[in-house]
Each structure stands twice: as structure tokens, then as C-alpha cells.
């Protein structure tokens, strides 16, 4: 596997690790709000957006340092592999 293939593969893994927890939390909160709205028949639009916004903000505060560390590691790996990518060495 070439250096560029390795970087692309690692970038996809980092993207998944960074986004899936946030998307999972947003989905869970969205489902909970939808069930609450269906049970109470309150169809207020701000009720759907605000809890998701707060949950995603809290998740970013909790997982943000981990995500930034993963992205920083990917950047360092990409910079270290740059000579191999430019040379085209496998």
C-alpha cells in the first residue's frame, strides 16, 4: 500500500471516529424529541432544534479534544509522508 493510500485510509477512519459520536448523539436526541412531540402533540419548531443544538454543543465540548488530537495526528502523519508521496515511492 502506498503512502497516499495510507493517508487516505487514515483520513476516512479519523473522519468516522470524529463524526459518528456527534451524529449518534444528534440522532438520539432527535428521536427523543420526536417521541415527546408525538406523545404531547406539541409541534413547535424550536423544540426540535434547540435540544439537538445543545446536545451537539455539549458533545463537541466533551469529544472536541479527542477529535482535535486525532486530526493533529493525521496532519503530522501526512506531513511526514509527504516526501514519499512526492517521490511516488510505494
C-alpha atoms as a PDB file:
ATOM      1  CA  UNK A   1       0.000   0.000   0.000  1.00  0.00           C
ATOM      2  CA  UNK A   2       1.394   3.373  -0.995  1.00  0.00           C
ATOM      3  CA  UNK A   3       1.861   6.359   1.258  1.00  0.00           C
ATOM      4  CA  UNK A   4      -1.044   8.233  -0.301  1.00  0.00           C
ATOM      5  CA  UNK A   5      -3.342   5.221   0.093  1.00  0.00           C
ATOM      6  CA  UNK A   6      -2.346   5.017   3.733  1.00  0.00           C
ATOM      7  CA  UNK A   7      -3.116   8.701   4.306  1.00  0.00           C
ATOM      8  CA  UNK A   8      -6.499   8.457   2.567  1.00  0.00           C
ATOM      9  CA  UNK A   9      -7.425   5.351   4.576  1.00  0.00           C
ATOM     10  CA  UNK A  10      -6.392   7.001   7.834  1.00  0.00           C
ATOM     11  CA  UNK A  11      -8.330  10.161   6.908  1.00  0.00           C
ATOM     12  CA  UNK A  12     -11.502   8.133   6.364  1.00  0.00           C
ATOM     13  CA  UNK A  13     -11.064   6.389   9.706  1.00  0.00           C
ATOM     14  CA  UNK A  14     -10.442   9.679  11.523  1.00  0.00           C
ATOM     15  CA  UNK A  15     -13.497  11.198   9.836  1.00  0.00           C
ATOM     16  CA  UNK A  16     -15.640   8.304  11.022  1.00  0.00           C
ATOM     17  CA  UNK A  17     -14.258   8.453  14.563  1.00  0.00           C
ATOM     18  CA  UNK A  18     -14.849  12.201  14.781  1.00  0.00           C
ATOM     19  CA  UNK A  19     -18.327  12.372  13.233  1.00  0.00           C
ATOM     20  CA  UNK A  20     -20.110   9.194  14.341  1.00  0.00           C
ATOM     21  CA  UNK A  21     -20.355  10.034  18.067  1.00  0.00           C
ATOM     22  CA  UNK A  22     -21.711  13.509  17.287  1.00  0.00           C
ATOM     23  CA  UNK A  23     -24.167  12.184  14.695  1.00  0.00           C
ATOM     24  CA  UNK A  24     -25.256   9.415  17.071  1.00  0.00           C
ATOM     25  CA  UNK A  25     -25.988  11.886  19.847  1.00  0.00           C
ATOM     26  CA  UNK A  26     -27.867  14.208  17.481  1.00  0.00           C
ATOM     27  CA  UNK A  27     -29.914  11.266  16.197  1.00  0.00           C
ATOM     28  CA  UNK A  28     -30.756  10.018  19.684  1.00  0.00           C
ATOM     29  CA  UNK A  29     -31.841  13.476  20.831  1.00  0.00           C
ATOM     30  CA  UNK A  30     -33.854  13.958  17.635  1.00  0.00           C
ATOM     31  CA  UNK A  31     -35.682  10.663  18.172  1.00  0.00           C
ATOM     32  CA  UNK A  32     -36.373  11.501  21.817  1.00  0.00           C
ATOM     33  CA  UNK A  33     -37.785  14.906  20.874  1.00  0.00           C
ATOM     34  CA  UNK A  34     -39.895  13.358  18.105  1.00  0.00           C
ATOM     35  CA  UNK A  35     -41.358  10.814  20.515  1.00  0.00           C
ATOM     36  CA  UNK A  36     -42.059  13.584  23.025  1.00  0.00           C
ATOM     37  CA  UNK A  37     -43.731  15.697  20.354  1.00  0.00           C
ATOM     38  CA  UNK A  38     -45.814  12.763  19.158  1.00  0.00           C
ATOM     39  CA  UNK A  39     -46.907  11.975  22.706  1.00  0.00           C
ATOM     40  CA  UNK A  40     -47.830  15.551  23.586  1.00  0.00           C
ATOM     41  CA  UNK A  41     -48.842  16.711  20.090  1.00  0.00           C
ATOM     42  CA  UNK A  42     -46.802  19.884  20.536  1.00  0.00           C
ATOM     43  CA  UNK A  43     -45.384  20.784  17.106  1.00  0.00           C
ATOM     44  CA  UNK A  44     -43.142  23.701  17.984  1.00  0.00           C
ATOM     45  CA  UNK A  45     -40.179  24.036  15.586  1.00  0.00           C
ATOM     46  CA  UNK A  46     -37.798  25.490  18.159  1.00  0.00           C
ATOM     47  CA  UNK A  47     -38.435  22.463  20.337  1.00  0.00           C
ATOM     48  CA  UNK A  48     -36.827  20.241  17.715  1.00  0.00           C
ATOM     49  CA  UNK A  49     -33.772  22.377  17.038  1.00  0.00           C
ATOM     50  CA  UNK A  50     -32.731  23.645  20.459  1.00  0.00           C
ATOM     51  CA  UNK A  51     -32.194  20.291  22.241  1.00  0.00           C
ATOM     52  CA  UNK A  52     -30.168  18.953  19.308  1.00  0.00           C
ATOM     53  CA  UNK A  53     -28.108  22.121  19.215  1.00  0.00           C
ATOM     54  CA  UNK A  54     -27.383  21.911  22.943  1.00  0.00           C
ATOM     55  CA  UNK A  55     -26.593  18.185  22.797  1.00  0.00           C
ATOM     56  CA  UNK A  56     -24.223  18.581  19.851  1.00  0.00           C
ATOM     57  CA  UNK A  57     -22.526  21.531  21.550  1.00  0.00           C
ATOM     58  CA  UNK A  58     -22.059  19.520  24.742  1.00  0.00           C
ATOM     59  CA  UNK A  59     -20.760  16.537  22.757  1.00  0.00           C
ATOM     60  CA  UNK A  60     -18.281  18.772  20.957  1.00  0.00           C
ATOM     61  CA  UNK A  61     -17.121  20.138  24.300  1.00  0.00           C
ATOM     62  CA  UNK A  62     -16.604  16.604  25.601  1.00  0.00           C
ATOM     63  CA  UNK A  63     -15.176  14.947  22.456  1.00  0.00           C
ATOM     64  CA  UNK A  64     -13.524  18.037  20.968  1.00  0.00           C
ATOM     65  CA  UNK A  65     -10.070  17.473  22.412  1.00  0.00           C
ATOM     66  CA  UNK A  66     -10.101  13.851  21.259  1.00  0.00           C
ATOM     67  CA  UNK A  67     -11.183  14.896  17.760  1.00  0.00           C
ATOM     68  CA  UNK A  68      -8.549  17.612  17.612  1.00  0.00           C
ATOM     69  CA  UNK A  69      -5.897  15.135  18.722  1.00  0.00           C
ATOM     70  CA  UNK A  70      -6.922  12.671  16.014  1.00  0.00           C
ATOM     71  CA  UNK A  71      -6.872  15.393  13.365  1.00  0.00           C
ATOM     72  CA  UNK A  72      -3.481  16.622  14.592  1.00  0.00           C
ATOM     73  CA  UNK A  73      -2.070  13.102  14.422  1.00  0.00           C
ATOM     74  CA  UNK A  74      -3.387  12.704  10.888  1.00  0.00           C
ATOM     75  CA  UNK A  75      -1.808  16.026   9.903  1.00  0.00           C
ATOM     76  CA  UNK A  76       1.553  15.009  11.369  1.00  0.00           C
ATOM     77  CA  UNK A  77       1.372  11.663   9.571  1.00  0.00           C
ATOM     78  CA  UNK A  78       0.521  13.384   6.286  1.00  0.00           C
ATOM     79  CA  UNK A  79       3.411  15.841   6.624  1.00  0.00           C
ATOM     80  CA  UNK A  80       5.823  13.011   7.478  1.00  0.00           C
ATOM     81  CA  UNK A  81       4.668  11.020   4.429  1.00  0.00           C
ATOM     82  CA  UNK A  82       4.871  13.996   2.060  1.00  0.00           C
ATOM     83  CA  UNK A  83       8.343  13.157   0.671  1.00  0.00           C
ATOM     84  CA  UNK A  84       7.201   9.600  -0.137  1.00  0.00           C
ATOM     85  CA  UNK A  85       4.059  10.907  -1.812  1.00  0.00           C
ATOM     86  CA  UNK A  86       6.003  13.426  -3.926  1.00  0.00           C
ATOM     87  CA  UNK A  87       8.633  10.849  -4.926  1.00  0.00           C
ATOM     88  CA  UNK A  88       5.927   8.343  -5.713  1.00  0.00           C
ATOM     89  CA  UNK A  89       7.657   5.654  -3.687  1.00  0.00           C
ATOM     90  CA  UNK A  90       5.478   2.721  -2.657  1.00  0.00           C
END
